[in-house]
Protein backbone atom coordinates (compact mmCIF):
# COMPACT_ATOMS: atom_id res chain seq x y z
CA MET A 1 85.78 -24.39 -89.84
CA ALA A 2 82.60 -25.07 -87.60
CA VAL A 3 80.05 -22.36 -87.65
CA LEU A 4 78.98 -21.73 -83.76
CA THR A 5 76.00 -20.11 -82.37
CA VAL A 6 76.07 -17.35 -79.74
CA SER A 7 74.67 -19.40 -77.01
CA GLN A 8 77.53 -21.89 -78.00
CA ILE A 9 80.05 -19.37 -76.90
CA ASN A 10 78.45 -17.95 -74.27
CA ARG A 11 78.19 -21.42 -72.67
CA TYR A 12 81.83 -22.24 -73.61
CA MET A 13 82.89 -19.34 -71.61
CA ALA A 14 80.69 -20.12 -68.56
CA SER A 15 82.13 -23.71 -68.26
CA LYS A 16 85.73 -22.05 -68.62
CA VAL A 17 85.20 -19.84 -65.90
CA GLN A 18 83.14 -22.35 -63.79
CA GLY A 19 86.03 -24.60 -64.17
CA ASP A 20 88.96 -22.55 -63.03
CA MET A 21 89.14 -22.54 -59.47
CA LYS A 22 91.05 -19.11 -59.18
CA LEU A 23 87.58 -17.61 -60.26
CA ARG A 24 85.36 -19.52 -57.69
CA HIS A 25 86.52 -17.47 -54.75
CA PHE A 26 88.59 -14.38 -54.63
CA LEU A 27 89.57 -11.07 -52.90
CA ILE A 28 89.10 -7.91 -55.18
CA LYS A 29 89.24 -4.31 -54.47
CA GLY A 30 87.77 -1.40 -56.25
CA GLU A 31 85.54 1.72 -56.07
CA ILE A 32 81.79 1.49 -56.05
CA ALA A 33 80.00 3.00 -58.67
CA ASN A 34 76.59 2.68 -59.92
CA PHE A 35 75.10 1.24 -56.52
CA THR A 36 71.33 0.12 -57.00
CA ALA A 37 69.68 -1.28 -53.80
CA HIS A 38 66.76 -3.50 -55.53
CA SER A 39 63.45 -3.49 -54.12
CA SER A 40 64.15 -7.59 -53.72
CA GLY A 41 66.82 -6.58 -51.28
CA HIS A 42 69.45 -7.30 -54.06
CA TYR A 43 72.27 -4.91 -54.45
CA TYR A 44 73.42 -4.13 -58.11
CA PHE A 45 76.69 -1.81 -58.57
CA THR A 46 79.56 -1.56 -60.67
CA LEU A 47 83.40 -2.04 -59.23
CA ARG A 48 85.93 -0.25 -60.86
CA ASP A 49 89.42 1.19 -60.53
CA ALA A 50 91.21 3.55 -62.82
CA GLN A 51 91.46 1.55 -66.01
CA SER A 52 88.27 -0.60 -65.87
CA GLY A 53 85.40 -1.86 -63.96
CA VAL A 54 83.17 -4.92 -63.85
CA LYS A 55 79.80 -5.59 -62.97
CA ALA A 56 78.56 -7.00 -59.61
CA VAL A 57 75.72 -8.17 -57.73
CA MET A 58 75.11 -9.19 -54.35
CA PHE A 59 71.99 -11.05 -53.34
CA ARG A 60 69.62 -10.56 -50.61
CA ASN A 61 70.62 -13.24 -48.23
CA MET A 62 74.43 -12.27 -48.32
CA ALA A 63 73.32 -8.10 -48.47
CA SER A 64 71.12 -8.85 -45.10
CA ARG A 65 74.31 -9.45 -43.25
CA LEU A 66 76.13 -6.59 -44.21
CA PRO A 67 76.57 -3.84 -40.73
CA PHE A 68 76.81 -0.82 -43.37
CA LEU A 69 74.99 0.47 -46.51
CA PRO A 70 77.35 0.38 -49.61
CA GLU A 71 77.28 3.65 -51.25
CA ASN A 72 78.93 4.95 -54.66
CA GLY A 73 82.49 6.43 -54.07
CA MET A 74 83.14 3.96 -51.40
CA HIS A 75 86.46 1.30 -51.75
CA VAL A 76 85.79 -1.93 -50.72
CA ILE A 77 87.46 -5.36 -50.62
CA ALA A 78 85.10 -7.62 -52.11
CA ALA A 79 84.79 -11.51 -51.50
CA ALA A 80 83.50 -12.62 -54.88
CA GLY A 81 83.28 -15.34 -57.23
CA LEU A 82 83.24 -15.00 -61.27
CA THR A 83 80.15 -15.91 -63.24
CA VAL A 84 78.52 -15.59 -66.83
CA TYR A 85 75.51 -14.69 -67.76
CA GLU A 86 74.59 -16.57 -70.43
CA ALA A 87 71.72 -14.81 -71.55
CA GLY A 88 73.50 -11.38 -71.81
CA GLY A 89 76.90 -12.75 -72.63
CA VAL A 90 78.48 -10.77 -70.19
CA TYR A 91 80.42 -11.66 -67.22
CA GLN A 92 79.85 -10.73 -63.40
CA LEU A 93 80.89 -10.57 -59.86
CA ASN A 94 78.92 -12.49 -57.39
CA VAL A 95 79.66 -11.03 -54.02
CA THR A 96 79.48 -12.45 -50.90
CA ASP A 97 81.00 -10.30 -48.36
CA LEU A 98 82.43 -6.51 -48.42
CA GLN A 99 84.95 -4.64 -46.41
CA PRO A 100 85.57 -1.04 -46.66
CA ASP A 101 88.92 -0.48 -47.77
CA GLY A 102 91.15 1.28 -44.82
CA VAL A 103 88.14 1.87 -42.52
CA GLY A 104 86.66 -0.73 -40.05
CA THR A 105 83.45 -2.06 -41.00
CA GLN A 106 81.92 -1.33 -37.37
CA THR A 107 83.44 2.09 -37.37
CA LEU A 108 81.53 2.95 -40.92
CA ALA A 109 78.43 1.41 -39.79
CA LEU A 110 78.50 3.57 -36.86
CA GLU A 111 78.91 6.71 -38.75
CA GLN A 112 76.29 5.60 -41.33
CA ARG A 113 73.99 5.16 -38.54
CA ARG A 114 74.81 8.69 -36.82
CA GLU A 115 74.22 10.67 -40.38
CA LYS A 116 70.90 8.70 -40.73
CA LEU A 117 69.74 9.77 -37.51
CA ARG A 118 71.13 13.23 -37.95
CA ARG A 119 68.95 13.64 -41.21
CA GLU A 120 66.11 12.41 -39.09
CA GLY A 121 66.52 15.22 -36.87
CA LEU A 122 67.48 13.45 -33.77
CA PHE A 123 70.29 15.55 -33.09
CA ASP A 124 68.52 18.73 -33.42
CA ALA A 125 69.16 21.43 -30.97
CA ALA A 126 65.64 22.71 -31.20
CA ALA A 127 64.48 19.39 -30.08
CA LYS A 128 66.78 19.58 -26.69
CA ARG A 129 64.53 20.36 -23.88
CA PRO A 130 65.58 22.14 -20.63
CA LEU A 131 66.55 20.52 -17.23
CA PRO A 132 63.82 20.98 -14.44
CA ALA A 133 65.26 23.43 -11.73
CA LEU A 134 64.29 21.58 -8.88
CA PRO A 135 63.05 17.92 -9.56
CA LYS A 136 61.08 16.01 -7.36
CA THR A 137 61.81 12.49 -8.63
CA ILE A 138 64.68 11.64 -10.55
CA GLY A 139 64.60 8.06 -12.87
CA VAL A 140 67.94 6.51 -13.45
CA VAL A 141 67.89 3.79 -16.15
CA THR A 142 71.31 1.82 -15.54
CA SER A 143 72.71 -1.34 -14.55
CA GLY A 144 71.35 -2.34 -10.90
CA THR A 145 74.44 -3.94 -9.89
CA GLY A 146 77.02 -1.53 -11.32
CA ALA A 147 79.48 1.45 -9.93
CA ALA A 148 77.61 3.75 -12.22
CA LEU A 149 74.40 3.42 -9.95
CA GLN A 150 76.24 3.89 -6.50
CA ASP A 151 78.03 7.00 -7.85
CA ILE A 152 74.70 8.63 -9.13
CA LEU A 153 73.19 7.69 -5.79
CA GLN A 154 75.91 9.34 -3.63
CA ILE A 155 75.94 12.83 -5.50
CA LEU A 156 71.89 12.94 -5.46
CA GLN A 157 71.78 12.38 -1.51
CA ARG A 158 74.76 14.68 -0.96
CA ARG A 159 73.25 17.52 -3.00
CA CYS A 160 69.97 17.23 -2.69
CA PRO A 161 68.90 14.82 0.11
CA ILE A 162 65.14 15.80 -0.47
CA VAL A 163 65.09 14.54 -4.19
CA GLN A 164 63.30 11.21 -4.81
CA VAL A 165 65.45 8.52 -6.84
CA ARG A 166 63.44 5.61 -8.56
CA VAL A 167 66.00 3.11 -10.29
CA PHE A 168 65.20 1.23 -13.27
CA PRO A 169 67.52 -1.61 -13.92
CA VAL A 170 68.27 -2.62 -17.32
CA LEU A 171 71.17 -4.72 -18.92
CA VAL A 172 73.71 -2.22 -20.66
CA GLN A 173 76.12 -4.91 -22.29
CA GLY A 174 75.40 -7.49 -24.44
CA ALA A 175 73.23 -8.58 -27.43
CA GLN A 176 70.01 -8.11 -25.10
CA ALA A 177 71.07 -4.85 -24.37
CA PRO A 178 69.51 -2.32 -26.44
CA ALA A 179 66.00 -3.88 -26.07
CA SER A 180 66.58 -3.78 -22.37
CA ILE A 181 67.61 -0.20 -22.38
CA ALA A 182 64.41 0.74 -24.46
CA ARG A 183 61.95 -0.93 -22.44
CA GLY A 184 63.36 0.33 -19.35
CA LEU A 185 63.32 4.23 -20.86
CA ARG A 186 59.79 3.91 -22.10
CA PHE A 187 58.67 2.35 -18.70
CA ALA A 188 60.66 5.18 -16.68
CA ASP A 189 58.91 7.95 -19.00
CA THR A 190 55.54 6.91 -17.64
CA GLN A 191 56.50 6.89 -14.12
CA GLY A 192 56.20 10.66 -12.97
CA CYS A 193 59.80 11.52 -13.28
CA ASP A 194 60.78 14.80 -13.94
CA VAL A 195 64.22 13.77 -15.24
CA LEU A 196 66.19 10.74 -16.46
CA ILE A 197 69.39 9.78 -16.14
CA LEU A 198 70.61 6.89 -18.69
CA GLY A 199 73.93 5.89 -18.18
CA ARG A 200 76.42 3.38 -17.39
CA GLY A 201 80.72 3.45 -16.24
CA GLY A 202 83.08 3.12 -18.52
CA GLY A 203 84.58 0.37 -20.89
CA ALA A 204 85.64 -0.88 -23.99
CA SER A 205 83.76 0.68 -27.24
CA GLU A 206 82.44 -2.81 -27.68
CA ASP A 207 80.86 -2.30 -24.20
CA LEU A 208 79.22 0.77 -24.92
CA ALA A 209 77.52 -0.50 -28.37
CA ALA A 210 74.06 -1.04 -26.90
CA PHE A 211 74.42 2.75 -26.76
CA ASN A 212 75.14 3.31 -30.51
CA THR A 213 72.18 1.74 -31.38
CA GLU A 214 68.99 2.90 -33.45
CA GLU A 215 66.69 1.12 -30.97
CA VAL A 216 68.10 2.90 -27.85
CA ALA A 217 68.33 6.24 -29.93
CA TYR A 218 64.77 6.34 -30.65
CA ALA A 219 63.68 5.36 -27.11
CA VAL A 220 65.61 8.70 -25.86
CA TYR A 221 64.18 10.63 -28.50
CA ASP A 222 60.46 9.55 -27.98
CA CYS A 223 60.95 10.17 -24.06
CA HIS A 224 58.47 13.06 -22.77
CA VAL A 225 60.61 14.29 -19.81
CA PRO A 226 64.44 15.58 -20.19
CA VAL A 227 66.82 12.66 -20.63
CA ILE A 228 70.61 13.19 -19.30
CA SER A 229 73.08 10.68 -20.88
CA ALA A 230 76.08 9.60 -19.04
CA VAL A 231 77.81 6.74 -20.76
CA GLY A 232 81.19 5.84 -20.17
CA HIS A 233 84.06 8.17 -19.95
CA GLU A 234 84.54 11.83 -20.56
CA VAL A 235 86.05 10.72 -24.00
CA ASP A 236 83.38 8.43 -25.13
CA VAL A 237 80.81 10.01 -27.00
CA THR A 238 77.73 7.78 -28.03
CA ILE A 239 74.73 7.92 -30.47
CA ALA A 240 72.78 7.89 -26.94
CA ASP A 241 74.64 11.44 -26.09
CA ALA A 242 73.94 13.19 -28.92
CA VAL A 243 70.27 12.21 -28.89
CA ALA A 244 69.75 13.09 -25.10
CA ASP A 245 68.95 16.73 -23.89
CA ARG A 246 71.79 17.08 -22.02
CA ARG A 247 75.23 14.72 -22.05
CA ALA A 248 77.40 14.44 -18.97
CA PRO A 249 80.84 13.13 -19.24
CA THR A 250 80.62 10.95 -16.27
CA PRO A 251 77.66 9.17 -14.09
CA SER A 252 78.57 11.45 -11.32
CA ALA A 253 78.37 14.40 -13.55
CA ALA A 254 74.93 13.29 -14.29
CA ALA A 255 73.81 13.33 -10.90
CA GLU A 256 75.30 17.02 -10.21
CA LEU A 257 73.47 18.34 -13.62
CA ALA A 258 70.17 16.60 -12.33
CA VAL A 259 69.82 18.43 -8.92
CA PRO A 260 70.90 21.66 -7.44
CA ASP A 261 73.40 21.90 -4.33
CA ALA A 262 71.36 22.23 -1.34
CA VAL A 263 74.19 24.38 0.07
CA HIS A 264 73.93 26.86 -2.57
CA LEU A 265 70.25 26.57 -2.96
CA HIS A 266 69.86 27.43 0.96
CA GLU A 267 72.22 30.59 -0.05
CA GLN A 268 70.13 31.31 -2.89
CA ILE A 269 67.00 31.25 -0.84
CA ASP A 270 68.77 33.34 2.00
CA ILE A 271 69.32 35.96 -0.89
CA ALA A 272 66.00 35.67 -2.00
CA ARG A 273 64.48 35.95 1.03
CA ARG A 274 66.39 39.24 2.39
CA GLY A 275 65.50 40.77 -1.00
CA LEU A 276 61.73 39.73 -0.49
CA THR A 277 61.95 41.34 3.15
CA ALA A 278 63.44 44.58 1.89
CA SER A 279 60.91 44.96 -1.16
CA LEU A 280 58.29 44.29 1.04
CA ARG A 281 59.21 46.99 3.61
CA ARG A 282 59.93 49.29 0.75
CA CYS A 283 56.11 48.62 -0.65
CA LEU A 284 54.84 49.06 2.73
CA GLY A 285 56.58 52.25 3.13
CA GLU A 286 55.42 53.35 -0.53
CA ARG A 287 51.99 52.39 0.72
CA ALA A 288 51.81 54.08 3.93
CA GLN A 289 52.80 57.13 2.42
CA ALA A 290 50.28 56.76 -0.11
CA LEU A 291 48.04 55.96 2.59
CA THR A 292 48.82 59.49 4.31
CA ALA A 293 48.28 61.35 1.32
CA LEU A 294 44.86 60.08 0.72
CA GLU A 295 44.07 60.74 4.83
CA GLY A 296 44.76 64.31 3.85
CA ARG A 297 43.22 64.23 1.02
CA LEU A 298 40.02 63.34 2.74
CA VAL A 299 40.37 65.56 5.35
CA ARG A 300 40.63 68.41 3.34
CA CYS A 301 37.30 67.14 1.22
CA ARG A 302 35.21 67.17 4.62
CA PRO A 303 33.05 70.02 4.53
CA GLU A 304 34.18 70.99 8.83
CA TYR A 305 37.55 71.26 7.01
CA ARG A 306 36.35 73.58 4.06
CA ILE A 307 34.28 75.49 6.46
CA ARG A 308 36.99 75.95 8.86
CA VAL A 309 39.43 76.99 5.90
CA GLN A 310 36.79 79.58 4.62
CA GLU A 311 36.26 81.12 8.39
CA GLU A 312 40.20 81.63 8.36
CA ALA A 313 40.01 83.20 5.08
CA LEU A 314 37.16 85.06 6.19
CA HIS A 315 38.87 86.26 9.47
CA HIS A 316 42.00 86.94 7.55
CA LEU A 317 40.06 89.11 4.90
CA THR A 318 38.25 90.86 7.95
CA GLN A 319 41.58 91.90 9.36
CA ARG A 320 42.87 93.11 6.10
CA MET A 321 39.45 95.01 5.68
CA GLN A 322 39.75 96.67 9.41
CA THR A 323 43.52 97.39 8.77
CA ALA A 324 42.64 98.77 5.42
CA MET A 325 40.06 100.54 6.75
CA GLN A 326 42.04 102.01 9.92
CA HIS A 327 44.89 103.23 7.36
CA GLY A 328 42.06 104.83 5.54
CA LEU A 329 40.56 106.87 8.43
CA GLY A 330 43.85 107.71 9.79
CA ARG A 331 45.02 109.32 6.18
CA ARG A 332 41.19 110.89 5.89
CA HIS A 333 41.86 111.97 9.74
CA GLN A 334 45.35 113.50 8.92
CA ALA A 335 43.83 115.21 5.82
CA LEU A 336 40.83 116.53 7.55
CA CYS A 337 43.52 118.02 10.73
CA SER A 338 45.29 119.72 7.82
CA MET A 339 42.33 121.17 6.26
CA GLN A 340 41.41 122.50 9.83
CA GLU A 341 44.46 123.89 10.45
CA ARG A 342 44.39 125.52 6.77
CA LEU A 343 40.67 126.87 7.38
CA GLN A 344 41.48 128.21 10.92
CA ALA A 345 44.94 129.95 9.42
CA LEU A 346 42.33 131.71 6.69
CA ASP A 347 39.75 132.41 9.44
CA PRO A 348 39.00 136.01 9.56
CA LEU A 349 37.96 135.61 13.30
CA ARG A 350 41.25 134.62 14.11
CA ILE A 351 42.76 137.76 12.93
CA LEU A 352 40.51 139.48 15.35
CA GLU A 353 42.61 137.80 18.03
CA ARG A 354 45.16 139.79 17.20
CA GLY A 355 43.50 142.87 17.64
CA TYR A 356 41.66 143.57 14.35
CA ALA A 357 37.84 144.39 14.32
CA ALA A 358 35.65 143.61 11.54
CA VAL A 359 32.79 146.87 10.99
CA TYR A 360 29.22 145.61 9.42
CA ARG A 361 26.47 147.60 8.41
CA GLN A 362 23.14 147.52 9.49
CA ASP A 363 22.47 145.08 6.43
CA GLY A 364 25.31 142.90 7.23
CA THR A 365 27.48 144.16 4.79
CA LEU A 366 30.87 144.20 5.55
CA VAL A 367 32.40 147.86 5.83
CA SER A 368 35.85 147.73 3.63
CA SER A 369 35.64 151.70 2.80
CA VAL A 370 34.83 154.98 4.59
CA SER A 371 32.65 155.56 1.73
CA ARG A 372 30.63 152.89 2.60
CA VAL A 373 29.21 154.69 5.59
CA GLN A 374 27.58 157.87 6.55
CA PRO A 375 27.76 160.31 9.60
CA ASP A 376 25.28 158.85 12.35
CA GLU A 377 24.77 155.46 10.57
CA GLU A 378 25.05 153.17 12.93
CA ILE A 379 27.35 149.98 12.40
CA THR A 380 28.42 146.79 14.19
CA VAL A 381 32.02 146.25 15.06
CA SER A 382 33.27 142.81 15.49
CA VAL A 383 36.01 141.88 18.01
CA ALA A 384 37.61 138.63 18.89
CA ASP A 385 35.25 138.16 22.05
CA GLY A 386 31.87 140.13 20.99
CA THR A 387 30.45 143.07 18.95
CA ILE A 388 30.16 146.43 19.92
CA ARG A 389 27.27 148.78 18.65
CA ALA A 390 28.52 152.13 17.48
CA LYS A 391 27.22 155.40 15.46
CA VAL A 392 29.39 157.12 12.60
CA VAL A 393 30.61 160.34 14.17
CA ALA A 394 32.64 161.63 11.28
CA THR A 395 34.70 159.62 8.49
CA ASP A 396 38.23 160.71 7.31
CA ALA A 397 39.72 159.10 4.07
CA VAL A 398 42.85 158.56 3.71
């Protein structure tokens, strides 16, 4: 029995594999594991099922044609040929094409693109800008010959005739459409528009493909003015719709979002005018009241006014004093009269008027007893209307 080297065995196995026509090109399905995208552009991974696995390589020239990026756990159908790596003594799959098993290639590529842009923040709500309430200039980026443009122009003319509209024609379908749309958006963004409408009419998903590209998505995101996206029908939602500041279900709806209704705007202006007039009248009334109050304060602060007020106060005090004096004098007069009456009642001369008399000695003392006088003594007798000079003849004691 001959003794073989390792290289001889590996070379023999390689010749057997290369000579088998069934192993040169076949389809094989499985799950991707251990996926690595090398810096050279080659893809290295393992294709496995529930029982076993096989190493696989997809070289750069083939990998660059894939519309999606393979991922671990993805189930695929691979077009491949079996080769033997003699230096390592292993065989591997040389993959020339990959198709998702159960999901379309374009669908998978679109979902991966959406996920990439979502991670980069192009769909974030915080990045959305509000639409201007009353724009002066509307930029429309769409096909110059499509029905969508006419719908937009008609709605803008009906709702807000004073708005200026600038149309930036672009290709909306075909291989050149993404670059054309991106250029149109970047140019329109520099033309002084207040808001941009990006749109096209409905169509098959293939017709809307340009609005699902990264090139258009970045162009929408980089615009400095708000962008309204209106691509296809209401059920069509593209990447451009997700990146735009507002999404409209149709181009006509985008025009309605971009400008206010002139009739409604006039109604709001009338309401605002009435409110402003009422506020102005109320404000003027309040200011008039304040002015009147200030004028009153100014009048009260003038010297003439203060002198007049003090004169009135002095006059009032004078009247009060005079009244008080009159009342006081009246009371004093009444008291004096009362005292006079009492004095008159006690006056002995008043007694004389009733027939009585007062007898005085020569020294002026009142004779109150017969023992106070002597016979032949001269006395004075006072009566009501005068005096009588007399001499005592005799005295008789009682």
